[in-house]
Amino acid sequence: MAIVDTFTKLIFGEEDRYSHRELRIIQAFRSVDTNVVLDSHRDMGAYLRALGVQEMIRLVARVQQWLANDEPVVPEAGVMNQSGDGALGRQVH
């Protein structure tokens, strides 16, 4: 639930303070999805808002796996929708 709560804070732009745990979740998010590696928290929230339900479920699972293993999961080049575009229409390079 902490992952979803952290993603919700990003989506709604609550940038004032993140706990150590939330910052670790944000780092895991950056580690498993290369689309957000250099994004600000605000941009990460916009990216999350653009995800479909299945994309979000896969992302939460990957972040959860990264945190549980305490080791990097092979990052996806981006969360893909059925048309082949990533969230926010970002193309995988």
PDB file of N, CA and C in Angstrom:
ATOM      1  N   MET A   1       0.821  -1.194   0.000  1.00  0.00           N
ATOM      2  CA  MET A   1       0.000   0.000   0.000  1.00  0.00           C
ATOM      3  C   MET A   1       0.866   1.259   0.000  1.00  0.00           C
ATOM      4  N   ALA A   2       2.061   1.161   0.563  1.00  0.00           N
ATOM      5  CA  ALA A   2       2.946   2.327   0.611  1.00  0.00           C
ATOM      6  C   ALA A   2       3.319   2.792  -0.791  1.00  0.00           C
ATOM      7  N   ILE A   3       3.448   1.851  -1.726  1.00  0.00           N
ATOM      8  CA  ILE A   3       3.784   2.219  -3.104  1.00  0.00           C
ATOM      9  C   ILE A   3       2.650   3.032  -3.704  1.00  0.00           C
ATOM     10  N   VAL A   4       1.425   2.553  -3.550  1.00  0.00           N
ATOM     11  CA  VAL A   4       0.260   3.263  -4.088  1.00  0.00           C
ATOM     12  C   VAL A   4       0.116   4.628  -3.425  1.00  0.00           C
ATOM     13  N   ASP A   5       0.326   4.699  -2.121  1.00  0.00           N
ATOM     14  CA  ASP A   5       0.245   5.983  -1.418  1.00  0.00           C
ATOM     15  C   ASP A   5       1.291   6.967  -1.940  1.00  0.00           C
ATOM     16  N   THR A   6       2.499   6.477  -2.179  1.00  0.00           N
ATOM     17  CA  THR A   6       3.564   7.344  -2.698  1.00  0.00           C
ATOM     18  C   THR A   6       3.233   7.800  -4.106  1.00  0.00           C
ATOM     19  N   PHE A   7       2.744   6.883  -4.946  1.00  0.00           N
ATOM     20  CA  PHE A   7       2.352   7.256  -6.304  1.00  0.00           C
ATOM     21  C   PHE A   7       1.229   8.293  -6.263  1.00  0.00           C
ATOM     22  N   THR A   8       0.300   8.143  -5.323  1.00  0.00           N
ATOM     23  CA  THR A   8      -0.795   9.113  -5.189  1.00  0.00           C
ATOM     24  C   THR A   8      -0.250  10.494  -4.835  1.00  0.00           C
ATOM     25  N   LYS A   9       0.726  10.555  -3.939  1.00  0.00           N
ATOM     26  CA  LYS A   9       1.346  11.843  -3.603  1.00  0.00           C
ATOM     27  C   LYS A   9       1.995  12.462  -4.834  1.00  0.00           C
ATOM     28  N   LEU A  10       2.669  11.640  -5.639  1.00  0.00           N
ATOM     29  CA  LEU A  10       3.285  12.153  -6.866  1.00  0.00           C
ATOM     30  C   LEU A  10       2.215  12.654  -7.834  1.00  0.00           C
ATOM     31  N   ILE A  11       1.148  11.886  -8.001  1.00  0.00           N
ATOM     32  CA  ILE A  11       0.077  12.249  -8.934  1.00  0.00           C
ATOM     33  C   ILE A  11      -0.553  13.581  -8.548  1.00  0.00           C
ATOM     34  N   PHE A  12      -0.763  13.802  -7.261  1.00  0.00           N
ATOM     35  CA  PHE A  12      -1.423  15.026  -6.816  1.00  0.00           C
ATOM     36  C   PHE A  12      -0.451  16.145  -6.473  1.00  0.00           C
ATOM     37  N   GLY A  13       0.818  15.937  -6.763  1.00  0.00           N
ATOM     38  CA  GLY A  13       1.803  17.006  -6.646  1.00  0.00           C
ATOM     39  C   GLY A  13       2.153  17.428  -5.239  1.00  0.00           C
ATOM     40  N   GLU A  14       2.033  16.533  -4.286  1.00  0.00           N
ATOM     41  CA  GLU A  14       2.412  16.857  -2.910  1.00  0.00           C
ATOM     42  C   GLU A  14       3.925  16.749  -2.782  1.00  0.00           C
ATOM     43  N   GLU A  15       4.598  17.839  -3.075  1.00  0.00           N
ATOM     44  CA  GLU A  15       6.056  17.822  -3.122  1.00  0.00           C
ATOM     45  C   GLU A  15       6.713  18.350  -1.853  1.00  0.00           C
ATOM     46  N   ASP A  16       5.931  18.705  -0.858  1.00  0.00           N
ATOM     47  CA  ASP A  16       6.513  19.347   0.317  1.00  0.00           C
ATOM     48  C   ASP A  16       7.504  18.462   1.057  1.00  0.00           C
ATOM     49  N   ARG A  17       7.095  17.273   1.447  1.00  0.00           N
ATOM     50  CA  ARG A  17       7.998  16.391   2.185  1.00  0.00           C
ATOM     51  C   ARG A  17       7.702  14.939   1.858  1.00  0.00           C
ATOM     52  N   TYR A  18       8.765  14.221   1.590  1.00  0.00           N
ATOM     53  CA  TYR A  18       8.657  12.777   1.403  1.00  0.00           C
ATOM     54  C   TYR A  18       9.464  12.108   2.508  1.00  0.00           C
ATOM     55  N   SER A  19       8.906  11.050   3.061  1.00  0.00           N
ATOM     56  CA  SER A  19       9.624  10.296   4.090  1.00  0.00           C
ATOM     57  C   SER A  19      10.761   9.512   3.437  1.00  0.00           C
ATOM     58  N   HIS A  20      11.628   8.977   4.269  1.00  0.00           N
ATOM     59  CA  HIS A  20      12.722   8.141   3.757  1.00  0.00           C
ATOM     60  C   HIS A  20      12.153   6.966   2.963  1.00  0.00           C
ATOM     61  N   ARG A  21      11.092   6.360   3.475  1.00  0.00           N
ATOM     62  CA  ARG A  21      10.453   5.228   2.789  1.00  0.00           C
ATOM     63  C   ARG A  21       9.908   5.650   1.432  1.00  0.00           C
ATOM     64  N   GLU A  22       9.241   6.798   1.370  1.00  0.00           N
ATOM     65  CA  GLU A  22       8.693   7.284   0.102  1.00  0.00           C
ATOM     66  C   GLU A  22       9.800   7.591  -0.898  1.00  0.00           C
ATOM     67  N   LEU A  23      10.892   8.165  -0.430  1.00  0.00           N
ATOM     68  CA  LEU A  23      12.019   8.444  -1.325  1.00  0.00           C
ATOM     69  C   LEU A  23      12.624   7.151  -1.857  1.00  0.00           C
ATOM     70  N   ARG A  24      12.630   6.119  -1.043  1.00  0.00           N
ATOM     71  CA  ARG A  24      13.122   4.811  -1.504  1.00  0.00           C
ATOM     72  C   ARG A  24      12.196   4.238  -2.578  1.00  0.00           C
ATOM     73  N   ILE A  25      10.899   4.406  -2.413  1.00  0.00           N
ATOM     74  CA  ILE A  25       9.930   3.956  -3.418  1.00  0.00           C
ATOM     75  C   ILE A  25      10.119   4.738  -4.711  1.00  0.00           C
ATOM     76  N   ILE A  26      10.337   6.043  -4.604  1.00  0.00           N
ATOM     77  CA  ILE A  26      10.578   6.871  -5.793  1.00  0.00           C
ATOM     78  C   ILE A  26      11.853   6.417  -6.499  1.00  0.00           C
ATOM     79  N   GLN A  27      12.893   6.098  -5.739  1.00  0.00           N
ATOM     80  CA  GLN A  27      14.127   5.594  -6.343  1.00  0.00           C
ATOM     81  C   GLN A  27      13.888   4.258  -7.042  1.00  0.00           C
ATOM     82  N   ALA A  28      13.097   3.401  -6.424  1.00  0.00           N
ATOM     83  CA  ALA A  28      12.764   2.120  -7.053  1.00  0.00           C
ATOM     84  C   ALA A  28      12.004   2.353  -8.353  1.00  0.00           C
ATOM     85  N   PHE A  29      11.077   3.297  -8.355  1.00  0.00           N
ATOM     86  CA  PHE A  29      10.322   3.665  -9.558  1.00  0.00           C
ATOM     87  C   PHE A  29      11.290   4.081 -10.659  1.00  0.00           C
ATOM     88  N   ARG A  30      12.236   4.930 -10.324  1.00  0.00           N
ATOM     89  CA  ARG A  30      13.237   5.366 -11.311  1.00  0.00           C
ATOM     90  C   ARG A  30      14.083   4.192 -11.803  1.00  0.00           C
ATOM     91  N   SER A  31      14.342   3.241 -10.931  1.00  0.00           N
ATOM     92  CA  SER A  31      15.182   2.096 -11.279  1.00  0.00           C
ATOM     93  C   SER A  31      14.492   1.107 -12.209  1.00  0.00           C
ATOM     94  N   VAL A  32      13.174   0.990 -12.103  1.00  0.00           N
ATOM     95  CA  VAL A  32      12.466  -0.003 -12.915  1.00  0.00           C
ATOM     96  C   VAL A  32      11.835   0.570 -14.173  1.00  0.00           C
ATOM     97  N   ASP A  33      11.782   1.890 -14.310  1.00  0.00           N
ATOM     98  CA  ASP A  33      11.196   2.511 -15.508  1.00  0.00           C
ATOM     99  C   ASP A  33      12.107   3.637 -15.981  1.00  0.00           C
ATOM    100  N   THR A  34      12.826   3.384 -17.049  1.00  0.00           N
ATOM    101  CA  THR A  34      13.815   4.348 -17.538  1.00  0.00           C
ATOM    102  C   THR A  34      13.196   5.637 -18.054  1.00  0.00           C
ATOM    103  N   ASN A  35      11.888   5.676 -18.276  1.00  0.00           N
ATOM    104  CA  ASN A  35      11.248   6.911 -18.732  1.00  0.00           C
ATOM    105  C   ASN A  35      11.309   8.021 -17.696  1.00  0.00           C
ATOM    106  N   VAL A  36      11.469   7.678 -16.426  1.00  0.00           N
ATOM    107  CA  VAL A  36      11.405   8.690 -15.369  1.00  0.00           C
ATOM    108  C   VAL A  36      12.731   8.906 -14.653  1.00  0.00           C
ATOM    109  N   VAL A  37      13.795   8.328 -15.158  1.00  0.00           N
ATOM    110  CA  VAL A  37      15.099   8.390 -14.484  1.00  0.00           C
ATOM    111  C   VAL A  37      15.494   9.819 -14.130  1.00  0.00           C
ATOM    112  N   LEU A  38      15.305  10.742 -15.039  1.00  0.00           N
ATOM    113  CA  LEU A  38      15.735  12.130 -14.822  1.00  0.00           C
ATOM    114  C   LEU A  38      14.576  13.082 -14.532  1.00  0.00           C
ATOM    115  N   ASP A  39      13.372  12.550 -14.399  1.00  0.00           N
ATOM    116  CA  ASP A  39      12.195  13.396 -14.204  1.00  0.00           C
ATOM    117  C   ASP A  39      12.126  13.980 -12.795  1.00  0.00           C
ATOM    118  N   SER A  40      11.519  15.158 -12.706  1.00  0.00           N
ATOM    119  CA  SER A  40      11.198  15.748 -11.405  1.00  0.00           C
ATOM    120  C   SER A  40      10.020  14.976 -10.809  1.00  0.00           C
ATOM    121  N   HIS A  41       9.753  15.197  -9.553  1.00  0.00           N
ATOM    122  CA  HIS A  41       8.598  14.553  -8.925  1.00  0.00           C
ATOM    123  C   HIS A  41       7.313  14.962  -9.636  1.00  0.00           C
ATOM    124  N   ARG A  42       7.211  16.206 -10.041  1.00  0.00           N
ATOM    125  CA  ARG A  42       6.023  16.686 -10.763  1.00  0.00           C
ATOM    126  C   ARG A  42       5.853  15.927 -12.081  1.00  0.00           C
ATOM    127  N   ASP A  43       6.952  15.756 -12.829  1.00  0.00           N
ATOM    128  CA  ASP A  43       6.892  15.031 -14.097  1.00  0.00           C
ATOM    129  C   ASP A  43       6.565  13.553 -13.878  1.00  0.00           C
ATOM    130  N   MET A  44       7.079  13.000 -12.793  1.00  0.00           N
ATOM    131  CA  MET A  44       6.758  11.609 -12.472  1.00  0.00           C
ATOM    132  C   MET A  44       5.258  11.462 -12.202  1.00  0.00           C
ATOM    133  N   GLY A  45       4.672  12.446 -11.535  1.00  0.00           N
ATOM    134  CA  GLY A  45       3.234  12.423 -11.283  1.00  0.00           C
ATOM    135  C   GLY A  45       2.432  12.487 -12.567  1.00  0.00           C
ATOM    136  N   ALA A  46       2.855  13.326 -13.511  1.00  0.00           N
ATOM    137  CA  ALA A  46       2.174  13.418 -14.807  1.00  0.00           C
ATOM    138  C   ALA A  46       2.274  12.088 -15.549  1.00  0.00           C
ATOM    139  N   TYR A  47       3.429  11.468 -15.486  1.00  0.00           N
ATOM    140  CA  TYR A  47       3.639  10.168 -16.120  1.00  0.00           C
ATOM    141  C   TYR A  47       2.691   9.129 -15.519  1.00  0.00           C
ATOM    142  N   LEU A  48       2.605   9.099 -14.191  1.00  0.00           N
ATOM    143  CA  LEU A  48       1.726   8.140 -13.527  1.00  0.00           C
ATOM    144  C   LEU A  48       0.264   8.379 -13.886  1.00  0.00           C
ATOM    145  N   ARG A  49      -0.155   9.646 -13.985  1.00  0.00           N
ATOM    146  CA  ARG A  49      -1.540   9.968 -14.351  1.00  0.00           C
ATOM    147  C   ARG A  49      -1.896   9.423 -15.724  1.00  0.00           C
ATOM    148  N   ALA A  50      -0.922   9.355 -16.614  1.00  0.00           N
ATOM    149  CA  ALA A  50      -1.175   8.918 -17.987  1.00  0.00           C
ATOM    150  C   ALA A  50      -1.218   7.396 -18.146  1.00  0.00           C
ATOM    151  N   LEU A  51      -0.830   6.661 -17.116  1.00  0.00           N
ATOM    152  CA  LEU A  51      -0.817   5.202 -17.222  1.00  0.00           C
ATOM    153  C   LEU A  51      -2.225   4.629 -17.173  1.00  0.00           C
ATOM    154  N   GLY A  52      -2.435   3.555 -17.904  1.00  0.00           N
ATOM    155  CA  GLY A  52      -3.665   2.788 -17.799  1.00  0.00           C
ATOM    156  C   GLY A  52      -3.605   1.894 -16.568  1.00  0.00           C
ATOM    157  N   VAL A  53      -4.719   1.277 -16.254  1.00  0.00           N
ATOM    158  CA  VAL A  53      -4.809   0.440 -15.058  1.00  0.00           C
ATOM    159  C   VAL A  53      -3.810  -0.713 -15.113  1.00  0.00           C
ATOM    160  N   GLN A  54      -3.767  -1.435 -16.212  1.00  0.00           N
ATOM    161  CA  GLN A  54      -2.853  -2.576 -16.319  1.00  0.00           C
ATOM    162  C   GLN A  54      -1.399  -2.133 -16.264  1.00  0.00           C
ATOM    163  N   GLU A  55      -1.093  -0.994 -16.888  1.00  0.00           N
ATOM    164  CA  GLU A  55       0.269  -0.457 -16.829  1.00  0.00           C
ATOM    165  C   GLU A  55       0.655  -0.130 -15.389  1.00  0.00           C
ATOM    166  N   MET A  56      -0.278   0.472 -14.659  1.00  0.00           N
ATOM    167  CA  MET A  56      -0.021   0.832 -13.262  1.00  0.00           C
ATOM    168  C   MET A  56       0.186  -0.419 -12.409  1.00  0.00           C
ATOM    169  N   ILE A  57      -0.630  -1.435 -12.634  1.00  0.00           N
ATOM    170  CA  ILE A  57      -0.493  -2.678 -11.873  1.00  0.00           C
ATOM    171  C   ILE A  57       0.877  -3.300 -12.118  1.00  0.00           C
ATOM    172  N   ARG A  58       1.318  -3.335 -13.378  1.00  0.00           N
ATOM    173  CA  ARG A  58       2.643  -3.887 -13.691  1.00  0.00           C
ATOM    174  C   ARG A  58       3.744  -3.063 -13.041  1.00  0.00           C
ATOM    175  N   LEU A  59       3.597  -1.745 -13.071  1.00  0.00           N
ATOM    176  CA  LEU A  59       4.609  -0.875 -12.480  1.00  0.00           C
ATOM    177  C   LEU A  59       4.694  -1.085 -10.968  1.00  0.00           C
ATOM    178  N   VAL A  60       3.563  -1.139 -10.300  1.00  0.00           N
ATOM    179  CA  VAL A  60       3.555  -1.370  -8.852  1.00  0.00           C
ATOM    180  C   VAL A  60       4.224  -2.708  -8.535  1.00  0.00           C
ATOM    181  N   ALA A  61       3.942  -3.735  -9.322  1.00  0.00           N
ATOM    182  CA  ALA A  61       4.550  -5.052  -9.095  1.00  0.00           C
ATOM    183  C   ALA A  61       6.067  -4.998  -9.255  1.00  0.00           C
ATOM    184  N   ARG A  62       6.550  -4.269 -10.252  1.00  0.00           N
ATOM    185  CA  ARG A  62       7.997  -4.169 -10.481  1.00  0.00           C
ATOM    186  C   ARG A  62       8.672  -3.387  -9.349  1.00  0.00           C
ATOM    187  N   VAL A  63       8.046  -2.315  -8.904  1.00  0.00           N
ATOM    188  CA  VAL A  63       8.599  -1.546  -7.783  1.00  0.00           C
ATOM    189  C   VAL A  63       8.611  -2.415  -6.526  1.00  0.00           C
ATOM    190  N   GLN A  64       7.532  -3.141  -6.307  1.00  0.00           N
ATOM    191  CA  GLN A  64       7.451  -4.028  -5.145  1.00  0.00           C
ATOM    192  C   GLN A  64       8.555  -5.084  -5.200  1.00  0.00           C
ATOM    193  N   GLN A  65       8.790  -5.653  -6.376  1.00  0.00           N
ATOM    194  CA  GLN A  65       9.849  -6.654  -6.532  1.00  0.00           C
ATOM    195  C   GLN A  65      11.216  -6.042  -6.251  1.00  0.00           C
ATOM    196  N   TRP A  66      11.457  -4.847  -6.767  1.00  0.00           N
ATOM    197  CA  TRP A  66      12.741  -4.164  -6.551  1.00  0.00           C
ATOM    198  C   TRP A  66      12.975  -3.949  -5.060  1.00  0.00           C
ATOM    199  N   LEU A  67      11.952  -3.481  -4.368  1.00  0.00           N
ATOM    200  CA  LEU A  67      12.073  -3.216  -2.935  1.00  0.00           C
ATOM    201  C   LEU A  67      12.236  -4.508  -2.130  1.00  0.00           C
ATOM    202  N   ALA A  68      11.514  -5.555  -2.502  1.00  0.00           N
ATOM    203  CA  ALA A  68      11.574  -6.820  -1.766  1.00  0.00           C
ATOM    204  C   ALA A  68      12.925  -7.502  -1.917  1.00  0.00           C
ATOM    205  N   ASN A  69      13.499  -7.406  -3.100  1.00  0.00           N
ATOM    206  CA  ASN A  69      14.779  -8.062  -3.362  1.00  0.00           C
ATOM    207  C   ASN A  69      15.954  -7.220  -2.923  1.00  0.00           C
ATOM    208  N   ASP A  70      15.700  -5.943  -2.675  1.00  0.00           N
ATOM    209  CA  ASP A  70      16.752  -5.003  -2.319  1.00  0.00           C
ATOM    210  C   ASP A  70      17.887  -5.039  -3.341  1.00  0.00           C
ATOM    211  N   GLU A  71      17.503  -5.294  -4.570  1.00  0.00           N
ATOM    212  CA  GLU A  71      18.466  -5.291  -5.662  1.00  0.00           C
ATOM    213  C   GLU A  71      17.743  -4.831  -6.921  1.00  0.00           C
ATOM    214  N   PRO A  72      18.471  -4.285  -7.854  1.00  0.00           N
ATOM    215  CA  PRO A  72      17.827  -3.782  -9.064  1.00  0.00           C
ATOM    216  C   PRO A  72      17.149  -4.882  -9.874  1.00  0.00           C
ATOM    217  N   VAL A  73      15.972  -4.562 -10.361  1.00  0.00           N
ATOM    218  CA  VAL A  73      15.259  -5.390 -11.327  1.00  0.00           C
ATOM    219  C   VAL A  73      15.667  -4.857 -12.686  1.00  0.00           C
ATOM    220  N   VAL A  74      15.777  -5.708 -13.682  1.00  0.00           N
ATOM    221  CA  VAL A  74      16.125  -5.222 -15.014  1.00  0.00           C
ATOM    222  C   VAL A  74      15.079  -4.197 -15.421  1.00  0.00           C
ATOM    223  N   PRO A  75      15.495  -2.952 -15.690  1.00  0.00           N
ATOM    224  CA  PRO A  75      14.522  -1.910 -15.998  1.00  0.00           C
ATOM    225  C   PRO A  75      13.856  -2.130 -17.339  1.00  0.00           C
ATOM    226  N   GLU A  76      12.601  -1.753 -17.407  1.00  0.00           N
ATOM    227  CA  GLU A  76      11.907  -1.734 -18.684  1.00  0.00           C
ATOM    228  C   GLU A  76      12.257  -0.430 -19.360  1.00  0.00           C
ATOM    229  N   ALA A  77      12.286  -0.451 -20.669  1.00  0.00           N
ATOM    230  CA  ALA A  77      12.555   0.775 -21.409  1.00  0.00           C
ATOM    231  C   ALA A  77      11.394   1.733 -21.269  1.00  0.00           C
ATOM    232  N   GLY A  78      10.276   1.263 -20.858  1.00  0.00           N
ATOM    233  CA  GLY A  78       9.105   2.092 -20.635  1.00  0.00           C
ATOM    234  C   GLY A  78       7.903   1.194 -20.481  1.00  0.00           C
ATOM    235  N   VAL A  79       6.907   1.673 -19.813  1.00  0.00           N
ATOM    236  CA  VAL A  79       5.671   0.926 -19.700  1.00  0.00           C
ATOM    237  C   VAL A  79       4.940   1.132 -21.008  1.00  0.00           C
ATOM    238  N   MET A  80       4.621   0.051 -21.680  1.00  0.00           N
ATOM    239  CA  MET A  80       4.068   0.149 -23.024  1.00  0.00           C
ATOM    240  C   MET A  80       2.566  -0.066 -23.007  1.00  0.00           C
ATOM    241  N   ASN A  81       1.870   0.688 -23.853  1.00  0.00           N
ATOM    242  CA  ASN A  81       0.463   0.401 -24.055  1.00  0.00           C
ATOM    243  C   ASN A  81       0.334  -0.425 -25.326  1.00  0.00           C
ATOM    244  N   GLN A  82      -0.859  -0.788 -25.715  1.00  0.00           N
ATOM    245  CA  GLN A  82      -1.035  -1.683 -26.848  1.00  0.00           C
ATOM    246  C   GLN A  82      -0.588  -1.071 -28.164  1.00  0.00           C
ATOM    247  N   SER A  83      -0.561   0.234 -28.286  1.00  0.00           N
ATOM    248  CA  SER A  83      -0.139   0.864 -29.536  1.00  0.00           C
ATOM    249  C   SER A  83       1.373   0.915 -29.655  1.00  0.00           C
ATOM    250  N   GLY A  84       2.087   0.555 -28.575  1.00  0.00           N
ATOM    251  CA  GLY A  84       3.541   0.577 -28.617  1.00  0.00           C
ATOM    252  C   GLY A  84       4.141   1.863 -28.095  1.00  0.00           C
ATOM    253  N   ASP A  85       3.301   2.817 -27.720  1.00  0.00           N
ATOM    254  CA  ASP A  85       3.792   4.063 -27.135  1.00  0.00           C
ATOM    255  C   ASP A  85       3.833   3.895 -25.629  1.00  0.00           C
ATOM    256  N   GLY A  86       4.809   4.507 -24.993  1.00  0.00           N
ATOM    257  CA  GLY A  86       4.835   4.530 -23.541  1.00  0.00           C
ATOM    258  C   GLY A  86       3.830   5.544 -23.035  1.00  0.00           C
ATOM    259  N   ALA A  87       3.706   5.648 -21.738  1.00  0.00           N
ATOM    260  CA  ALA A  87       2.832   6.657 -21.148  1.00  0.00           C
ATOM    261  C   ALA A  87       3.260   8.027 -21.622  1.00  0.00           C
ATOM    262  N   LEU A  88       2.337   8.929 -21.768  1.00  0.00           N
ATOM    263  CA  LEU A  88       2.559  10.280 -22.277  1.00  0.00           C
ATOM    264  C   LEU A  88       3.075  10.265 -23.713  1.00  0.00           C
ATOM    265  N   GLY A  89       2.851   9.148 -24.425  1.00  0.00           N
ATOM    266  CA  GLY A  89       3.269   9.065 -25.815  1.00  0.00           C
ATOM    267  C   GLY A  89       4.766   8.980 -26.009  1.00  0.00           C
ATOM    268  N   ARG A  90       5.498   8.651 -24.956  1.00  0.00           N
ATOM    269  CA  ARG A  90       6.953   8.564 -25.056  1.00  0.00           C
ATOM    270  C   ARG A  90       7.324   7.303 -25.803  1.00  0.00           C
ATOM    271  N   GLN A  91       8.216   7.426 -26.743  1.00  0.00           N
ATOM    272  CA  GLN A  91       8.698   6.292 -27.505  1.00  0.00           C
ATOM    273  C   GLN A  91       9.941   5.719 -26.852  1.00  0.00           C
ATOM    274  N   VAL A  92      10.088   4.412 -26.923  1.00  0.00           N
ATOM    275  CA  VAL A  92      11.292   3.762 -26.440  1.00  0.00           C
ATOM    276  C   VAL A  92      12.368   3.977 -27.481  1.00  0.00           C
ATOM    277  N   HIS A  93      13.559   4.379 -27.047  1.00  0.00           N
ATOM    278  CA  HIS A  93      14.649   4.641 -27.989  1.00  0.00           C
ATOM    279  C   HIS A  93      15.457   3.410 -28.229  1.00  0.00           C
TER     280      HIS A  93
END
